[in-house]
Amino acid sequence: RLEALTKKIAKPAVSFGAKYRIIDFPL
């Protein structure tokens, strides 16, 4: 559902908030 953003990377590796990736939050 994130379309082109996850074409070559896993969803948790998608950028968020200018300097983070989504996986940064649960870790």
PDB file of all heavy atoms in Angstrom:
ATOM      1  N   ARG A   1       0.820  -1.217   0.000  1.00  0.00           N
ATOM      2  CA  ARG A   1       0.000   0.000   0.000  1.00  0.00           C
ATOM      3  C   ARG A   1       0.852   1.265   0.000  1.00  0.00           C
ATOM      4  O   ARG A   1       0.344   2.353  -0.240  1.00  0.00           O
ATOM      5  CB  ARG A   1      -0.946  -0.003   1.208  1.00  0.00           C
ATOM      6  CG  ARG A   1      -2.029  -1.082   1.143  1.00  0.00           C
ATOM      7  CD  ARG A   1      -2.929  -1.019   2.351  1.00  0.00           C
ATOM      8  NE  ARG A   1      -2.189  -1.270   3.586  1.00  0.00           N
ATOM      9  CZ  ARG A   1      -2.675  -1.045   4.803  1.00  0.00           C
ATOM     10  NH1 ARG A   1      -3.889  -0.559   4.956  1.00  0.00           N
ATOM     11  NH2 ARG A   1      -1.936  -1.302   5.874  1.00  0.00           N
ATOM     12  N   LEU A   2       2.159   1.110   0.257  1.00  0.00           N
ATOM     13  CA  LEU A   2       3.060   2.264   0.160  1.00  0.00           C
ATOM     14  C   LEU A   2       3.666   2.384  -1.237  1.00  0.00           C
ATOM     15  O   LEU A   2       4.558   3.203  -1.477  1.00  0.00           O
ATOM     16  CB  LEU A   2       4.165   2.170   1.221  1.00  0.00           C
ATOM     17  CG  LEU A   2       3.693   2.387   2.660  1.00  0.00           C
ATOM     18  CD1 LEU A   2       4.861   2.272   3.630  1.00  0.00           C
ATOM     19  CD2 LEU A   2       3.003   3.722   2.828  1.00  0.00           C
ATOM     20  N   GLU A   3       3.216   1.520  -2.129  1.00  0.00           N
ATOM     21  CA  GLU A   3       3.519   1.615  -3.555  1.00  0.00           C
ATOM     22  C   GLU A   3       5.020   1.743  -3.822  1.00  0.00           C
ATOM     23  O   GLU A   3       5.805   0.911  -3.386  1.00  0.00           O
ATOM     24  CB  GLU A   3       2.723   2.783  -4.158  1.00  0.00           C
ATOM     25  CG  GLU A   3       1.215   2.663  -3.942  1.00  0.00           C
ATOM     26  CD  GLU A   3       0.467   3.897  -4.356  1.00  0.00           C
ATOM     27  OE1 GLU A   3       0.848   4.547  -5.339  1.00  0.00           O
ATOM     28  OE2 GLU A   3      -0.541   4.232  -3.683  1.00  0.00           O
ATOM     29  N   ALA A   4       5.440   2.802  -4.536  1.00  0.00           N
ATOM     30  CA  ALA A   4       6.839   2.925  -4.974  1.00  0.00           C
ATOM     31  C   ALA A   4       7.814   3.037  -3.809  1.00  0.00           C
ATOM     32  O   ALA A   4       8.995   2.715  -3.955  1.00  0.00           O
ATOM     33  CB  ALA A   4       6.990   4.144  -5.886  1.00  0.00           C
ATOM     34  N   LEU A   5       7.352   3.459  -2.644  1.00  0.00           N
ATOM     35  CA  LEU A   5       8.254   3.624  -1.498  1.00  0.00           C
ATOM     36  C   LEU A   5       8.832   2.292  -1.040  1.00  0.00           C
ATOM     37  O   LEU A   5       9.919   2.248  -0.465  1.00  0.00           O
ATOM     38  CB  LEU A   5       7.530   4.306  -0.331  1.00  0.00           C
ATOM     39  CG  LEU A   5       7.047   5.730  -0.564  1.00  0.00           C
ATOM     40  CD1 LEU A   5       6.369   6.256   0.691  1.00  0.00           C
ATOM     41  CD2 LEU A   5       8.218   6.644  -0.955  1.00  0.00           C
ATOM     42  N   THR A   6       8.100   1.208  -1.268  1.00  0.00           N
ATOM     43  CA  THR A   6       8.562  -0.107  -0.812  1.00  0.00           C
ATOM     44  C   THR A   6       8.883  -1.032  -1.992  1.00  0.00           C
ATOM     45  O   THR A   6       8.907  -2.250  -1.844  1.00  0.00           O
ATOM     46  CB  THR A   6       7.501  -0.767   0.081  1.00  0.00           C
ATOM     47  OG1 THR A   6       6.223  -0.718  -0.576  1.00  0.00           O
ATOM     48  CG2 THR A   6       7.395  -0.052   1.413  1.00  0.00           C
ATOM     49  N   LYS A   7       9.150  -0.455  -3.140  1.00  0.00           N
ATOM     50  CA  LYS A   7       9.489  -1.268  -4.307  1.00  0.00           C
ATOM     51  C   LYS A   7      10.829  -1.965  -4.130  1.00  0.00           C
ATOM     52  O   LYS A   7      11.027  -3.096  -4.564  1.00  0.00           O
ATOM     53  CB  LYS A   7       9.515  -0.390  -5.558  1.00  0.00           C
ATOM     54  CG  LYS A   7       9.684  -1.173  -6.854  1.00  0.00           C
ATOM     55  CD  LYS A   7       9.574  -0.265  -8.058  1.00  0.00           C
ATOM     56  CE  LYS A   7       9.708  -1.044  -9.361  1.00  0.00           C
ATOM     57  NZ  LYS A   7       9.600  -0.169 -10.548  1.00  0.00           N
ATOM     58  N   LYS A   8      11.776  -1.289  -3.468  1.00  0.00           N
ATOM     59  CA  LYS A   8      13.116  -1.846  -3.303  1.00  0.00           C
ATOM     60  C   LYS A   8      13.567  -1.937  -1.852  1.00  0.00           C
ATOM     61  O   LYS A   8      14.672  -2.404  -1.578  1.00  0.00           O
ATOM     62  CB  LYS A   8      14.125  -1.025  -4.110  1.00  0.00           C
ATOM     63  CG  LYS A   8      13.917  -1.106  -5.618  1.00  0.00           C
ATOM     64  CD  LYS A   8      15.008  -0.363  -6.372  1.00  0.00           C
ATOM     65  CE  LYS A   8      14.814  -0.484  -7.875  1.00  0.00           C
ATOM     66  NZ  LYS A   8      15.875   0.235  -8.633  1.00  0.00           N
ATOM     67  N   ILE A   9      12.749  -1.449  -0.917  1.00  0.00           N
ATOM     68  CA  ILE A   9      13.102  -1.549   0.498  1.00  0.00           C
ATOM     69  C   ILE A   9      11.907  -2.042   1.300  1.00  0.00           C
ATOM     70  O   ILE A   9      10.760  -1.893   0.877  1.00  0.00           O
ATOM     71  CB  ILE A   9      13.596  -0.200   1.087  1.00  0.00           C
ATOM     72  CG1 ILE A   9      12.477   0.859   1.019  1.00  0.00           C
ATOM     73  CG2 ILE A   9      14.853   0.272   0.401  1.00  0.00           C
ATOM     74  CD1 ILE A   9      12.830   2.140   1.759  1.00  0.00           C
ATOM     75  N   ALA A  10      12.176  -2.629   2.448  1.00  0.00           N
ATOM     76  CA  ALA A  10      11.114  -3.097   3.324  1.00  0.00           C
ATOM     77  C   ALA A  10      10.392  -1.906   3.945  1.00  0.00           C
ATOM     78  O   ALA A  10      10.976  -0.840   4.156  1.00  0.00           O
ATOM     79  CB  ALA A  10      11.708  -3.981   4.422  1.00  0.00           C
ATOM     80  N   LYS A  11       9.115  -2.095   4.268  1.00  0.00           N
ATOM     81  CA  LYS A  11       8.304  -1.008   4.813  1.00  0.00           C
ATOM     82  C   LYS A  11       8.928  -0.376   6.063  1.00  0.00           C
ATOM     83  O   LYS A  11       8.944   0.852   6.186  1.00  0.00           O
ATOM     84  CB  LYS A  11       6.891  -1.515   5.105  1.00  0.00           C
ATOM     85  CG  LYS A  11       5.962  -0.451   5.670  1.00  0.00           C
ATOM     86  CD  LYS A  11       4.501  -0.859   5.610  1.00  0.00           C
ATOM     87  CE  LYS A  11       4.190  -2.132   6.331  1.00  0.00           C
ATOM     88  NZ  LYS A  11       2.726  -2.376   6.459  1.00  0.00           N
ATOM     89  N   PRO A  12       9.464  -1.146   7.021  1.00  0.00           N
ATOM     90  CA  PRO A  12      10.048  -0.511   8.204  1.00  0.00           C
ATOM     91  C   PRO A  12      11.267   0.358   7.909  1.00  0.00           C
ATOM     92  O   PRO A  12      11.690   1.146   8.759  1.00  0.00           O
ATOM     93  CB  PRO A  12      10.437  -1.709   9.085  1.00  0.00           C
ATOM     94  CG  PRO A  12       9.532  -2.801   8.648  1.00  0.00           C
ATOM     95  CD  PRO A  12       9.404  -2.612   7.169  1.00  0.00           C
ATOM     96  N   ALA A  13      11.860   0.220   6.709  1.00  0.00           N
ATOM     97  CA  ALA A  13      13.033   1.028   6.351  1.00  0.00           C
ATOM     98  C   ALA A  13      12.653   2.342   5.677  1.00  0.00           C
ATOM     99  O   ALA A  13      13.525   3.148   5.348  1.00  0.00           O
ATOM    100  CB  ALA A  13      13.963   0.234   5.432  1.00  0.00           C
ATOM    101  N   VAL A  14      11.359   2.593   5.480  1.00  0.00           N
ATOM    102  CA  VAL A  14      10.903   3.828   4.835  1.00  0.00           C
ATOM    103  C   VAL A  14      11.204   5.030   5.734  1.00  0.00           C
ATOM    104  O   VAL A  14      11.109   4.950   6.960  1.00  0.00           O
ATOM    105  CB  VAL A  14       9.397   3.741   4.532  1.00  0.00           C
ATOM    106  CG1 VAL A  14       8.826   5.097   4.121  1.00  0.00           C
ATOM    107  CG2 VAL A  14       9.147   2.711   3.438  1.00  0.00           C
ATOM    108  N   SER A  15      11.556   6.152   5.109  1.00  0.00           N
ATOM    109  CA  SER A  15      11.890   7.370   5.846  1.00  0.00           C
ATOM    110  C   SER A  15      10.680   7.941   6.571  1.00  0.00           C
ATOM    111  O   SER A  15       9.543   7.797   6.122  1.00  0.00           O
ATOM    112  CB  SER A  15      12.441   8.432   4.890  1.00  0.00           C
ATOM    113  OG  SER A  15      13.616   7.982   4.257  1.00  0.00           O
ATOM    114  N   PHE A  16      10.980   8.632   7.684  1.00  0.00           N
ATOM    115  CA  PHE A  16       9.922   9.299   8.440  1.00  0.00           C
ATOM    116  C   PHE A  16      10.499  10.481   9.213  1.00  0.00           C
ATOM    117  O   PHE A  16      11.600  10.392   9.762  1.00  0.00           O
ATOM    118  CB  PHE A  16       9.247   8.338   9.425  1.00  0.00           C
ATOM    119  CG  PHE A  16       8.193   9.017  10.273  1.00  0.00           C
ATOM    120  CD1 PHE A  16       6.937   9.253   9.744  1.00  0.00           C
ATOM    121  CD2 PHE A  16       8.474   9.442  11.552  1.00  0.00           C
ATOM    122  CE1 PHE A  16       5.970   9.900  10.503  1.00  0.00           C
ATOM    123  CE2 PHE A  16       7.523  10.092  12.319  1.00  0.00           C
ATOM    124  CZ  PHE A  16       6.261  10.313  11.788  1.00  0.00           C
ATOM    125  N   GLY A  17       9.772  11.582   9.242  1.00  0.00           N
ATOM    126  CA  GLY A  17      10.124  12.701  10.110  1.00  0.00           C
ATOM    127  C   GLY A  17      11.450  13.354   9.812  1.00  0.00           C
ATOM    128  O   GLY A  17      12.133  13.802  10.735  1.00  0.00           O
ATOM    129  N   ALA A  18      11.847  13.406   8.543  1.00  0.00           N
ATOM    130  CA  ALA A  18      13.037  14.128   8.069  1.00  0.00           C
ATOM    131  C   ALA A  18      14.360  13.431   8.364  1.00  0.00           C
ATOM    132  O   ALA A  18      15.298  13.559   7.581  1.00  0.00           O
ATOM    133  CB  ALA A  18      13.084  15.555   8.627  1.00  0.00           C
ATOM    134  N   LYS A  19      14.475  12.679   9.464  1.00  0.00           N
ATOM    135  CA  LYS A  19      15.777  12.085   9.782  1.00  0.00           C
ATOM    136  C   LYS A  19      15.698  10.642  10.264  1.00  0.00           C
ATOM    137  O   LYS A  19      16.725  10.030  10.548  1.00  0.00           O
ATOM    138  CB  LYS A  19      16.499  12.936  10.827  1.00  0.00           C
ATOM    139  CG  LYS A  19      15.796  13.000  12.176  1.00  0.00           C
ATOM    140  CD  LYS A  19      16.653  13.718  13.225  1.00  0.00           C
ATOM    141  CE  LYS A  19      17.870  12.918  13.607  1.00  0.00           C
ATOM    142  NZ  LYS A  19      18.657  13.542  14.688  1.00  0.00           N
ATOM    143  N   TYR A  20      14.502  10.092  10.363  1.00  0.00           N
ATOM    144  CA  TYR A  20      14.338   8.747  10.914  1.00  0.00           C
ATOM    145  C   TYR A  20      13.879   7.759   9.847  1.00  0.00           C
ATOM    146  O   TYR A  20      13.564   8.130   8.729  1.00  0.00           O
ATOM    147  CB  TYR A  20      13.309   8.761  12.052  1.00  0.00           C
ATOM    148  CG  TYR A  20      13.668   9.700  13.168  1.00  0.00           C
ATOM    149  CD1 TYR A  20      13.064  10.951  13.272  1.00  0.00           C
ATOM    150  CD2 TYR A  20      14.623   9.343  14.120  1.00  0.00           C
ATOM    151  CE1 TYR A  20      13.396  11.821  14.297  1.00  0.00           C
ATOM    152  CE2 TYR A  20      14.964  10.208  15.144  1.00  0.00           C
ATOM    153  CZ  TYR A  20      14.353  11.449  15.230  1.00  0.00           C
ATOM    154  OH  TYR A  20      14.689  12.317  16.233  1.00  0.00           O
ATOM    155  N   ARG A  21      13.857   6.490  10.264  1.00  0.00           N
ATOM    156  CA  ARG A  21      13.155   5.457   9.521  1.00  0.00           C
ATOM    157  C   ARG A  21      12.119   4.868  10.465  1.00  0.00           C
ATOM    158  O   ARG A  21      12.262   4.935  11.692  1.00  0.00           O
ATOM    159  CB  ARG A  21      14.114   4.377   9.030  1.00  0.00           C
ATOM    160  CG  ARG A  21      15.222   4.930   8.125  1.00  0.00           C
ATOM    161  CD  ARG A  21      15.865   3.848   7.336  1.00  0.00           C
ATOM    162  NE  ARG A  21      17.076   4.306   6.660  1.00  0.00           N
ATOM    163  CZ  ARG A  21      17.616   3.683   5.631  1.00  0.00           C
ATOM    164  NH1 ARG A  21      17.061   2.591   5.148  1.00  0.00           N
ATOM    165  NH2 ARG A  21      18.722   4.138   5.068  1.00  0.00           N
ATOM    166  N   ILE A  22      11.085   4.254   9.909  1.00  0.00           N
ATOM    167  CA  ILE A  22       9.995   3.765  10.748  1.00  0.00           C
ATOM    168  C   ILE A  22      10.501   2.794  11.809  1.00  0.00           C
ATOM    169  O   ILE A  22      10.084   2.832  12.968  1.00  0.00           O
ATOM    170  CB  ILE A  22       8.910   3.101   9.876  1.00  0.00           C
ATOM    171  CG1 ILE A  22       8.299   4.135   8.921  1.00  0.00           C
ATOM    172  CG2 ILE A  22       7.821   2.485  10.740  1.00  0.00           C
ATOM    173  CD1 ILE A  22       7.387   3.531   7.860  1.00  0.00           C
ATOM    174  N   ILE A  23      11.443   1.915  11.442  1.00  0.00           N
ATOM    175  CA  ILE A  23      11.956   0.911  12.379  1.00  0.00           C
ATOM    176  C   ILE A  23      12.653   1.524  13.579  1.00  0.00           C
ATOM    177  O   ILE A  23      12.775   0.893  14.631  1.00  0.00           O
ATOM    178  CB  ILE A  23      12.923  -0.069  11.645  1.00  0.00           C
ATOM    179  CG1 ILE A  23      13.238  -1.294  12.507  1.00  0.00           C
ATOM    180  CG2 ILE A  23      14.198   0.638  11.222  1.00  0.00           C
ATOM    181  CD1 ILE A  23      12.077  -2.208  12.750  1.00  0.00           C
ATOM    182  N   ASP A  24      13.101   2.790  13.456  1.00  0.00           N
ATOM    183  CA  ASP A  24      13.766   3.453  14.579  1.00  0.00           C
ATOM    184  C   ASP A  24      12.870   3.519  15.812  1.00  0.00           C
ATOM    185  O   ASP A  24      13.360   3.482  16.946  1.00  0.00           O
ATOM    186  CB  ASP A  24      14.178   4.878  14.200  1.00  0.00           C
ATOM    187  CG  ASP A  24      15.312   4.920  13.195  1.00  0.00           C
ATOM    188  OD1 ASP A  24      16.082   3.947  13.136  1.00  0.00           O
ATOM    189  OD2 ASP A  24      15.422   5.927  12.464  1.00  0.00           O
ATOM    190  N   PHE A  25      11.564   3.615  15.607  1.00  0.00           N
ATOM    191  CA  PHE A  25      10.651   3.806  16.731  1.00  0.00           C
ATOM    192  C   PHE A  25      10.489   2.543  17.575  1.00  0.00           C
ATOM    193  O   PHE A  25      10.699   2.594  18.798  1.00  0.00           O
ATOM    194  CB  PHE A  25       9.318   4.367  16.229  1.00  0.00           C
ATOM    195  CG  PHE A  25       9.423   5.811  15.831  1.00  0.00           C
ATOM    196  CD1 PHE A  25       9.957   6.165  14.600  1.00  0.00           C
ATOM    197  CD2 PHE A  25       9.043   6.819  16.697  1.00  0.00           C
ATOM    198  CE1 PHE A  25      10.091   7.500  14.239  1.00  0.00           C
ATOM    199  CE2 PHE A  25       9.177   8.157  16.355  1.00  0.00           C
ATOM    200  CZ  PHE A  25       9.703   8.501  15.116  1.00  0.00           C
ATOM    201  N   PRO A  26      10.130   1.375  17.020  1.00  0.00           N
ATOM    202  CA  PRO A  26      10.054   0.195  17.887  1.00  0.00           C
ATOM    203  C   PRO A  26      11.396  -0.203  18.485  1.00  0.00           C
ATOM    204  O   PRO A  26      11.454  -0.640  19.642  1.00  0.00           O
ATOM    205  CB  PRO A  26       9.506  -0.896  16.960  1.00  0.00           C
ATOM    206  CG  PRO A  26       9.722  -0.399  15.577  1.00  0.00           C
ATOM    207  CD  PRO A  26       9.649   1.080  15.655  1.00  0.00           C
ATOM    208  N   LEU A  27      12.486  -0.045  17.728  1.00  0.00           N
ATOM    209  CA  LEU A  27      13.800  -0.376  18.289  1.00  0.00           C
ATOM    210  C   LEU A  27      14.173   0.579  19.416  1.00  0.00           C
ATOM    211  O   LEU A  27      14.716   0.155  20.449  1.00  0.00           O
ATOM    212  CB  LEU A  27      14.861  -0.357  17.193  1.00  0.00           C
ATOM    213  CG  LEU A  27      14.936  -1.620  16.329  1.00  0.00           C
ATOM    214  CD1 LEU A  27      15.831  -1.397  15.115  1.00  0.00           C
ATOM    215  CD2 LEU A  27      15.438  -2.818  17.134  1.00  0.00           C
TER     216      LEU A  27
END
